[in-house]
Full PDB file with SEQRES, HELIX, SHEET, SSBOND, CRYST1, ORIGX, SCALE, CONECT and MASTER records, all heavy atoms in Angstrom:
SEQRES   1 A   33  TYR GLY ALA GLU LEU PRO SER ALA VAL ASP ASP VAL VAL          
SEQRES   2 A   33  GLU GLN LEU ALA ALA ARG ASP ALA THR THR SER HIS GLU          
SEQRES   3 A   33  TYR GLU ALA LEU ARG VAL ARG                                  
HELIX    1 AA1 VAL A   12  VAL A   32  1                                  21    
CRYST1    1.000    1.000    1.000  90.00  90.00  90.00 P 1           1          
ORIGX1      1.000000  0.000000  0.000000        0.00000                         
ORIGX2      0.000000  1.000000  0.000000        0.00000                         
ORIGX3      0.000000  0.000000  1.000000        0.00000                         
SCALE1      1.000000  0.000000  0.000000        0.00000                         
SCALE2      0.000000  1.000000  0.000000        0.00000                         
SCALE3      0.000000  0.000000  1.000000        0.00000                         
ATOM      1  N   TYR A   1       0.835  -1.195   0.000  1.00  0.00           N  
ATOM      2  CA  TYR A   1       0.000   0.000   0.000  1.00  0.00           C  
ATOM      3  C   TYR A   1       0.871   1.246   0.000  1.00  0.00           C  
ATOM      4  O   TYR A   1       2.066   1.189   0.279  1.00  0.00           O  
ATOM      5  CB  TYR A   1      -0.943  -0.008   1.211  1.00  0.00           C  
ATOM      6  CG  TYR A   1      -1.863  -1.198   1.227  1.00  0.00           C  
ATOM      7  CD1 TYR A   1      -1.513  -2.368   1.898  1.00  0.00           C  
ATOM      8  CD2 TYR A   1      -3.077  -1.172   0.548  1.00  0.00           C  
ATOM      9  CE1 TYR A   1      -2.348  -3.478   1.899  1.00  0.00           C  
ATOM     10  CE2 TYR A   1      -3.922  -2.271   0.545  1.00  0.00           C  
ATOM     11  CZ  TYR A   1      -3.552  -3.427   1.222  1.00  0.00           C  
ATOM     12  OH  TYR A   1      -4.372  -4.523   1.212  1.00  0.00           O  
ATOM     13  N   GLY A   2       0.269   2.380  -0.303  1.00  0.00           N  
ATOM     14  CA  GLY A   2       1.020   3.622  -0.347  1.00  0.00           C  
ATOM     15  C   GLY A   2       1.052   4.300   1.010  1.00  0.00           C  
ATOM     16  O   GLY A   2       0.117   4.199   1.804  1.00  0.00           O  
ATOM     17  N   ALA A   3       2.147   4.994   1.291  1.00  0.00           N  
ATOM     18  CA  ALA A   3       2.283   5.737   2.544  1.00  0.00           C  
ATOM     19  C   ALA A   3       3.338   6.811   2.345  1.00  0.00           C  
ATOM     20  O   ALA A   3       4.161   6.733   1.427  1.00  0.00           O  
ATOM     21  CB  ALA A   3       2.671   4.811   3.700  1.00  0.00           C  
ATOM     22  N   GLU A   4       3.303   7.813   3.186  1.00  0.00           N  
ATOM     23  CA  GLU A   4       4.282   8.890   3.118  1.00  0.00           C  
ATOM     24  C   GLU A   4       4.498   9.451   4.512  1.00  0.00           C  
ATOM     25  O   GLU A   4       3.710   9.183   5.440  1.00  0.00           O  
ATOM     26  CB  GLU A   4       3.813   9.995   2.171  1.00  0.00           C  
ATOM     27  CG  GLU A   4       2.470  10.589   2.547  1.00  0.00           C  
ATOM     28  CD  GLU A   4       1.963  11.572   1.511  1.00  0.00           C  
ATOM     29  OE1 GLU A   4       2.461  11.532   0.367  1.00  0.00           O  
ATOM     30  OE2 GLU A   4       1.075  12.370   1.834  1.00  0.00           O  
ATOM     31  N   LEU A   5       5.559  10.221   4.664  1.00  0.00           N  
ATOM     32  CA  LEU A   5       5.852  10.828   5.951  1.00  0.00           C  
ATOM     33  C   LEU A   5       4.799  11.878   6.292  1.00  0.00           C  
ATOM     34  O   LEU A   5       4.140  12.417   5.393  1.00  0.00           O  
ATOM     35  CB  LEU A   5       7.238  11.464   5.925  1.00  0.00           C  
ATOM     36  CG  LEU A   5       8.416  10.480   5.866  1.00  0.00           C  
ATOM     37  CD1 LEU A   5       9.731  11.236   5.664  1.00  0.00           C  
ATOM     38  CD2 LEU A   5       8.481   9.636   7.133  1.00  0.00           C  
ATOM     39  N   PRO A   6       4.623  12.169   7.567  1.00  0.00           N  
ATOM     40  CA  PRO A   6       3.613  13.156   7.971  1.00  0.00           C  
ATOM     41  C   PRO A   6       3.852  14.500   7.317  1.00  0.00           C  
ATOM     42  O   PRO A   6       4.978  14.879   7.021  1.00  0.00           O  
ATOM     43  CB  PRO A   6       3.781  13.239   9.494  1.00  0.00           C  
ATOM     44  CG  PRO A   6       4.455  11.967   9.882  1.00  0.00           C  
ATOM     45  CD  PRO A   6       5.322  11.596   8.728  1.00  0.00           C  
ATOM     46  N   SER A   7       2.769  15.236   7.105  1.00  0.00           N  
ATOM     47  CA  SER A   7       2.863  16.562   6.522  1.00  0.00           C  
ATOM     48  C   SER A   7       3.565  17.512   7.479  1.00  0.00           C  
ATOM     49  O   SER A   7       3.451  17.393   8.703  1.00  0.00           O  
ATOM     50  CB  SER A   7       1.463  17.086   6.194  1.00  0.00           C  
ATOM     51  OG  SER A   7       1.513  18.438   5.821  1.00  0.00           O  
ATOM     52  N   ALA A   8       4.293  18.469   6.909  1.00  0.00           N  
ATOM     53  CA  ALA A   8       4.976  19.465   7.730  1.00  0.00           C  
ATOM     54  C   ALA A   8       4.032  20.556   8.198  1.00  0.00           C  
ATOM     55  O   ALA A   8       4.406  21.413   8.996  1.00  0.00           O  
ATOM     56  CB  ALA A   8       6.131  20.085   6.938  1.00  0.00           C  
ATOM     57  N   VAL A   9       2.791  20.542   7.684  1.00  0.00           N  
ATOM     58  CA  VAL A   9       1.809  21.554   8.076  1.00  0.00           C  
ATOM     59  C   VAL A   9       1.358  21.285   9.499  1.00  0.00           C  
ATOM     60  O   VAL A   9       0.941  20.172   9.835  1.00  0.00           O  
ATOM     61  CB  VAL A   9       0.600  21.530   7.117  1.00  0.00           C  
ATOM     62  CG1 VAL A   9      -0.431  22.561   7.549  1.00  0.00           C  
ATOM     63  CG2 VAL A   9       1.064  21.791   5.696  1.00  0.00           C  
ATOM     64  N   ASP A  10       1.437  22.290  10.349  1.00  0.00           N  
ATOM     65  CA  ASP A  10       1.091  22.115  11.749  1.00  0.00           C  
ATOM     66  C   ASP A  10      -0.392  22.276  12.017  1.00  0.00           C  
ATOM     67  O   ASP A  10      -0.933  21.717  12.958  1.00  0.00           O  
ATOM     68  CB  ASP A  10       1.869  23.128  12.615  1.00  0.00           C  
ATOM     69  CG  ASP A  10       3.369  22.858  12.593  1.00  0.00           C  
ATOM     70  OD1 ASP A  10       3.732  21.674  12.443  1.00  0.00           O  
ATOM     71  OD2 ASP A  10       4.149  23.819  12.713  1.00  0.00           O  
ATOM     72  N   ASP A  11      -1.059  23.066  11.199  1.00  0.00           N  
ATOM     73  CA  ASP A  11      -2.455  23.375  11.447  1.00  0.00           C  
ATOM     74  C   ASP A  11      -3.345  22.210  11.041  1.00  0.00           C  
ATOM     75  O   ASP A  11      -3.313  21.757   9.887  1.00  0.00           O  
ATOM     76  CB  ASP A  11      -2.862  24.631  10.674  1.00  0.00           C  
ATOM     77  CG  ASP A  11      -4.249  25.104  11.084  1.00  0.00           C  
ATOM     78  OD1 ASP A  11      -4.349  25.841  12.079  1.00  0.00           O  
ATOM     79  OD2 ASP A  11      -5.210  24.703  10.393  1.00  0.00           O  
ATOM     80  N   VAL A  12      -4.149  21.731  11.966  1.00  0.00           N  
ATOM     81  CA  VAL A  12      -5.017  20.584  11.708  1.00  0.00           C  
ATOM     82  C   VAL A  12      -6.047  20.925  10.639  1.00  0.00           C  
ATOM     83  O   VAL A  12      -6.377  20.100   9.779  1.00  0.00           O  
ATOM     84  CB  VAL A  12      -5.720  20.138  13.009  1.00  0.00           C  
ATOM     85  CG1 VAL A  12      -6.697  19.005  12.728  1.00  0.00           C  
ATOM     86  CG2 VAL A  12      -4.692  19.699  14.037  1.00  0.00           C  
ATOM     87  N   VAL A  13      -6.571  22.149  10.662  1.00  0.00           N  
ATOM     88  CA  VAL A  13      -7.572  22.555   9.670  1.00  0.00           C  
ATOM     89  C   VAL A  13      -6.984  22.495   8.274  1.00  0.00           C  
ATOM     90  O   VAL A  13      -7.620  22.032   7.325  1.00  0.00           O  
ATOM     91  CB  VAL A  13      -8.091  23.965   9.989  1.00  0.00           C  
ATOM     92  CG1 VAL A  13      -9.093  24.413   8.925  1.00  0.00           C  
ATOM     93  CG2 VAL A  13      -8.746  23.995  11.363  1.00  0.00           C  
ATOM     94  N   GLU A  14      -5.756  22.961   8.114  1.00  0.00           N  
ATOM     95  CA  GLU A  14      -5.105  22.922   6.807  1.00  0.00           C  
ATOM     96  C   GLU A  14      -4.855  21.491   6.360  1.00  0.00           C  
ATOM     97  O   GLU A  14      -4.977  21.162   5.177  1.00  0.00           O  
ATOM     98  CB  GLU A  14      -3.794  23.699   6.855  1.00  0.00           C  
ATOM     99  CG  GLU A  14      -3.967  25.198   7.036  1.00  0.00           C  
ATOM    100  CD  GLU A  14      -2.646  25.924   6.949  1.00  0.00           C  
ATOM    101  OE1 GLU A  14      -1.714  25.382   6.320  1.00  0.00           O  
ATOM    102  OE2 GLU A  14      -2.530  27.028   7.500  1.00  0.00           O  
ATOM    103  N   GLN A  15      -4.508  20.625   7.295  1.00  0.00           N  
ATOM    104  CA  GLN A  15      -4.302  19.217   6.953  1.00  0.00           C  
ATOM    105  C   GLN A  15      -5.586  18.596   6.424  1.00  0.00           C  
ATOM    106  O   GLN A  15      -5.587  17.906   5.396  1.00  0.00           O  
ATOM    107  CB  GLN A  15      -3.820  18.442   8.188  1.00  0.00           C  
ATOM    108  CG  GLN A  15      -2.466  18.870   8.715  1.00  0.00           C  
ATOM    109  CD  GLN A  15      -2.166  18.227  10.043  1.00  0.00           C  
ATOM    110  OE1 GLN A  15      -2.766  17.228  10.394  1.00  0.00           O  
ATOM    111  NE2 GLN A  15      -1.247  18.814  10.786  1.00  0.00           N  
ATOM    112  N   LEU A  16      -6.695  18.846   7.132  1.00  0.00           N  
ATOM    113  CA  LEU A  16      -7.972  18.290   6.699  1.00  0.00           C  
ATOM    114  C   LEU A  16      -8.423  18.899   5.375  1.00  0.00           C  
ATOM    115  O   LEU A  16      -9.030  18.222   4.548  1.00  0.00           O  
ATOM    116  CB  LEU A  16      -9.028  18.516   7.774  1.00  0.00           C  
ATOM    117  CG  LEU A  16      -8.816  17.745   9.083  1.00  0.00           C  
ATOM    118  CD1 LEU A  16      -9.860  18.136  10.109  1.00  0.00           C  
ATOM    119  CD2 LEU A  16      -8.854  16.242   8.843  1.00  0.00           C  
ATOM    120  N   ALA A  17      -8.129  20.183   5.162  1.00  0.00           N  
ATOM    121  CA  ALA A  17      -8.492  20.828   3.900  1.00  0.00           C  
ATOM    122  C   ALA A  17      -7.735  20.204   2.733  1.00  0.00           C  
ATOM    123  O   ALA A  17      -8.289  19.970   1.658  1.00  0.00           O  
ATOM    124  CB  ALA A  17      -8.215  22.324   3.975  1.00  0.00           C  
ATOM    125  N   ALA A  18      -6.448  19.936   2.939  1.00  0.00           N  
ATOM    126  CA  ALA A  18      -5.647  19.303   1.891  1.00  0.00           C  
ATOM    127  C   ALA A  18      -6.157  17.896   1.601  1.00  0.00           C  
ATOM    128  O   ALA A  18      -6.243  17.478   0.449  1.00  0.00           O  
ATOM    129  CB  ALA A  18      -4.182  19.261   2.317  1.00  0.00           C  
ATOM    130  N   ARG A  19      -6.525  17.169   2.650  1.00  0.00           N  
ATOM    131  CA  ARG A  19      -7.054  15.822   2.457  1.00  0.00           C  
ATOM    132  C   ARG A  19      -8.399  15.872   1.744  1.00  0.00           C  
ATOM    133  O   ARG A  19      -8.711  15.021   0.901  1.00  0.00           O  
ATOM    134  CB  ARG A  19      -7.189  15.119   3.811  1.00  0.00           C  
ATOM    135  CG  ARG A  19      -7.692  13.692   3.723  1.00  0.00           C  
ATOM    136  CD  ARG A  19      -7.657  13.021   5.081  1.00  0.00           C  
ATOM    137  NE  ARG A  19      -6.294  12.970   5.603  1.00  0.00           N  
ATOM    138  CZ  ARG A  19      -5.982  12.522   6.829  1.00  0.00           C  
ATOM    139  NH1 ARG A  19      -6.938  12.111   7.631  1.00  0.00           N  
ATOM    140  NH2 ARG A  19      -4.734  12.497   7.233  1.00  0.00           N  
ATOM    141  N   ASP A  20      -9.216  16.881   2.067  1.00  0.00           N  
ATOM    142  CA  ASP A  20     -10.509  17.026   1.416  1.00  0.00           C  
ATOM    143  C   ASP A  20     -10.345  17.305  -0.073  1.00  0.00           C  
ATOM    144  O   ASP A  20     -11.107  16.803  -0.906  1.00  0.00           O  
ATOM    145  CB  ASP A  20     -11.287  18.160   2.078  1.00  0.00           C  
ATOM    146  CG  ASP A  20     -12.715  18.253   1.558  1.00  0.00           C  
ATOM    147  OD1 ASP A  20     -13.308  17.191   1.276  1.00  0.00           O  
ATOM    148  OD2 ASP A  20     -13.227  19.369   1.423  1.00  0.00           O  
ATOM    149  N   ALA A  21      -9.333  18.099  -0.435  1.00  0.00           N  
ATOM    150  CA  ALA A  21      -9.085  18.386  -1.851  1.00  0.00           C  
ATOM    151  C   ALA A  21      -8.700  17.115  -2.593  1.00  0.00           C  
ATOM    152  O   ALA A  21      -9.147  16.869  -3.719  1.00  0.00           O  
ATOM    153  CB  ALA A  21      -7.984  19.434  -1.982  1.00  0.00           C  
ATOM    154  N   THR A  22      -7.864  16.287  -1.953  1.00  0.00           N  
ATOM    155  CA  THR A  22      -7.476  15.015  -2.571  1.00  0.00           C  
ATOM    156  C   THR A  22      -8.674  14.099  -2.755  1.00  0.00           C  
ATOM    157  O   THR A  22      -8.848  13.460  -3.793  1.00  0.00           O  
ATOM    158  CB  THR A  22      -6.413  14.325  -1.709  1.00  0.00           C  
ATOM    159  OG1 THR A  22      -5.284  15.183  -1.567  1.00  0.00           O  
ATOM    160  CG2 THR A  22      -5.984  13.006  -2.337  1.00  0.00           C  
ATOM    161  N   THR A  23      -9.534  14.037  -1.725  1.00  0.00           N  
ATOM    162  CA  THR A  23     -10.723  13.193  -1.794  1.00  0.00           C  
ATOM    163  C   THR A  23     -11.680  13.676  -2.878  1.00  0.00           C  
ATOM    164  O   THR A  23     -12.304  12.876  -3.574  1.00  0.00           O  
ATOM    165  CB  THR A  23     -11.436  13.177  -0.434  1.00  0.00           C  
ATOM    166  OG1 THR A  23     -10.521  12.750   0.584  1.00  0.00           O  
ATOM    167  CG2 THR A  23     -12.616  12.220  -0.451  1.00  0.00           C  
ATOM    168  N   SER A  24     -11.810  14.993  -3.030  1.00  0.00           N  
ATOM    169  CA  SER A  24     -12.687  15.548  -4.062  1.00  0.00           C  
ATOM    170  C   SER A  24     -12.198  15.166  -5.453  1.00  0.00           C  
ATOM    171  O   SER A  24     -12.990  14.811  -6.334  1.00  0.00           O  
ATOM    172  CB  SER A  24     -12.760  17.070  -3.928  1.00  0.00           C  
ATOM    173  OG  SER A  24     -13.319  17.439  -2.682  1.00  0.00           O  
ATOM    174  N   HIS A  25     -10.889  15.238  -5.648  1.00  0.00           N  
ATOM    175  CA  HIS A  25     -10.324  14.842  -6.939  1.00  0.00           C  
ATOM    176  C   HIS A  25     -10.569  13.358  -7.198  1.00  0.00           C  
ATOM    177  O   HIS A  25     -10.921  12.958  -8.324  1.00  0.00           O  
ATOM    178  CB  HIS A  25      -8.829  15.146  -6.954  1.00  0.00           C  
ATOM    179  CG  HIS A  25      -8.135  14.707  -8.204  1.00  0.00           C  
ATOM    180  ND1 HIS A  25      -8.282  15.357  -9.416  1.00  0.00           N  
ATOM    181  CD2 HIS A  25      -7.314  13.638  -8.450  1.00  0.00           C  
ATOM    182  CE1 HIS A  25      -7.579  14.734 -10.339  1.00  0.00           C  
ATOM    183  NE2 HIS A  25      -6.983  13.691  -9.780  1.00  0.00           N  
ATOM    184  N   GLU A  26     -10.403  12.544  -6.170  1.00  0.00           N  
ATOM    185  CA  GLU A  26     -10.632  11.108  -6.315  1.00  0.00           C  
ATOM    186  C   GLU A  26     -12.097  10.826  -6.642  1.00  0.00           C  
ATOM    187  O   GLU A  26     -12.410   9.977  -7.487  1.00  0.00           O  
ATOM    188  CB  GLU A  26     -10.239  10.395  -5.022  1.00  0.00           C  
ATOM    189  CG  GLU A  26     -10.498   8.901  -5.037  1.00  0.00           C  
ATOM    190  CD  GLU A  26     -10.247   8.244  -3.695  1.00  0.00           C  
ATOM    191  OE1 GLU A  26      -9.921   8.973  -2.729  1.00  0.00           O  
ATOM    192  OE2 GLU A  26     -10.380   7.015  -3.600  1.00  0.00           O  
ATOM    193  N   TYR A  27     -13.002  11.561  -5.984  1.00  0.00           N  
ATOM    194  CA  TYR A  27     -14.434  11.371  -6.233  1.00  0.00           C  
ATOM    195  C   TYR A  27     -14.789  11.693  -7.678  1.00  0.00           C  
ATOM    196  O   TYR A  27     -15.528  10.942  -8.330  1.00  0.00           O  
ATOM    197  CB  TYR A  27     -15.246  12.244  -5.277  1.00  0.00           C  
ATOM    198  CG  TYR A  27     -16.709  12.330  -5.632  1.00  0.00           C  
ATOM    199  CD1 TYR A  27     -17.570  11.280  -5.348  1.00  0.00           C  
ATOM    200  CD2 TYR A  27     -17.218  13.462  -6.267  1.00  0.00           C  
ATOM    201  CE1 TYR A  27     -18.915  11.347  -5.683  1.00  0.00           C  
ATOM    202  CE2 TYR A  27     -18.560  13.541  -6.605  1.00  0.00           C  
ATOM    203  CZ  TYR A  27     -19.406  12.486  -6.317  1.00  0.00           C  
ATOM    204  OH  TYR A  27     -20.730  12.553  -6.658  1.00  0.00           O  
ATOM    205  N   GLU A  28     -14.283  12.798  -8.202  1.00  0.00           N  
ATOM    206  CA  GLU A  28     -14.585  13.182  -9.576  1.00  0.00           C  
ATOM    207  C   GLU A  28     -14.054  12.158 -10.564  1.00  0.00           C  
ATOM    208  O   GLU A  28     -14.724  11.826 -11.559  1.00  0.00           O  
ATOM    209  CB  GLU A  28     -13.995  14.566  -9.878  1.00  0.00           C  
ATOM    210  CG  GLU A  28     -14.674  15.701  -9.117  1.00  0.00           C  
ATOM    211  CD  GLU A  28     -16.149  15.814  -9.422  1.00  0.00           C  
ATOM    212  OE1 GLU A  28     -16.543  15.500 -10.566  1.00  0.00           O  
ATOM    213  OE2 GLU A  28     -16.920  16.218  -8.536  1.00  0.00           O  
ATOM    214  N   ALA A  29     -12.840  11.643 -10.305  1.00  0.00           N  
ATOM    215  CA  ALA A  29     -12.270  10.631 -11.198  1.00  0.00           C  
ATOM    216  C   ALA A  29     -13.106   9.357 -11.175  1.00  0.00           C  
ATOM    217  O   ALA A  29     -13.379   8.751 -12.226  1.00  0.00           O  
ATOM    218  CB  ALA A  29     -10.825  10.336 -10.797  1.00  0.00           C  
ATOM    219  N   LEU A  30     -13.532   8.938  -9.990  1.00  0.00           N  
ATOM    220  CA  LEU A  30     -14.355   7.732  -9.874  1.00  0.00           C  
ATOM    221  C   LEU A  30     -15.712   7.932 -10.541  1.00  0.00           C  
ATOM    222  O   LEU A  30     -16.235   7.016 -11.189  1.00  0.00           O  
ATOM    223  CB  LEU A  30     -14.550   7.375  -8.394  1.00  0.00           C  
ATOM    224  CG  LEU A  30     -13.342   6.781  -7.679  1.00  0.00           C  
ATOM    225  CD1 LEU A  30     -13.605   6.689  -6.181  1.00  0.00           C  
ATOM    226  CD2 LEU A  30     -13.003   5.403  -8.236  1.00  0.00           C  
ATOM    227  N   ARG A  31     -16.281   9.121 -10.402  1.00  0.00           N  
ATOM    228  CA  ARG A  31     -17.592   9.395 -11.001  1.00  0.00           C  
ATOM    229  C   ARG A  31     -17.531   9.292 -12.520  1.00  0.00           C  
ATOM    230  O   ARG A  31     -18.400   8.678 -13.152  1.00  0.00           O  
ATOM    231  CB  ARG A  31     -18.077  10.784 -10.577  1.00  0.00           C  
ATOM    232  CG  ARG A  31     -19.506  11.098 -11.002  1.00  0.00           C  
ATOM    233  CD  ARG A  31     -19.996  12.358 -10.323  1.00  0.00           C  
ATOM    234  NE  ARG A  31     -19.282  13.521 -10.839  1.00  0.00           N  
ATOM    235  CZ  ARG A  31     -19.701  14.255 -11.879  1.00  0.00           C  
ATOM    236  NH1 ARG A  31     -20.818  13.922 -12.511  1.00  0.00           N  
ATOM    237  NH2 ARG A  31     -19.023  15.300 -12.286  1.00  0.00           N  
ATOM    238  N   VAL A  32     -16.500   9.878 -13.117  1.00  0.00           N  
ATOM    239  CA  VAL A  32     -16.359   9.833 -14.575  1.00  0.00           C  
ATOM    240  C   VAL A  32     -16.184   8.388 -15.040  1.00  0.00           C  
ATOM    241  O   VAL A  32     -16.828   7.943 -16.003  1.00  0.00           O  
ATOM    242  CB  VAL A  32     -15.171  10.700 -15.030  1.00  0.00           C  
ATOM    243  CG1 VAL A  32     -14.880  10.472 -16.503  1.00  0.00           C  
ATOM    244  CG2 VAL A  32     -15.455  12.170 -14.759  1.00  0.00           C  
ATOM    245  N   ARG A  33     -15.325   7.642 -14.355  1.00  0.00           N  
ATOM    246  CA  ARG A  33     -15.082   6.261 -14.772  1.00  0.00           C  
ATOM    247  C   ARG A  33     -16.306   5.385 -14.579  1.00  0.00           C  
ATOM    248  O   ARG A  33     -16.586   4.501 -15.405  1.00  0.00           O  
ATOM    249  CB  ARG A  33     -13.898   5.702 -13.982  1.00  0.00           C  
ATOM    250  CG  ARG A  33     -12.581   6.374 -14.334  1.00  0.00           C  
ATOM    251  CD  ARG A  33     -11.429   5.829 -13.519  1.00  0.00           C  
ATOM    252  NE  ARG A  33     -10.184   6.507 -13.866  1.00  0.00           N  
ATOM    253  CZ  ARG A  33      -9.019   6.250 -13.302  1.00  0.00           C  
ATOM    254  NH1 ARG A  33      -8.931   5.336 -12.356  1.00  0.00           N  
ATOM    255  NH2 ARG A  33      -7.941   6.914 -13.689  1.00  0.00           N  
TER     256      ARG A  33                                                      
MASTER        0    0    0    1    0    0    0    6  255    1    0    3          
END                                                                             
């Protein structure tokens, strides 16, 4: 499986926002396919 080191961003809100952007991109790709 894939994994990476923790983000250097300290703010929890920013971390969740970045994860939400990734999830949104994944959702759109899955919807099209």
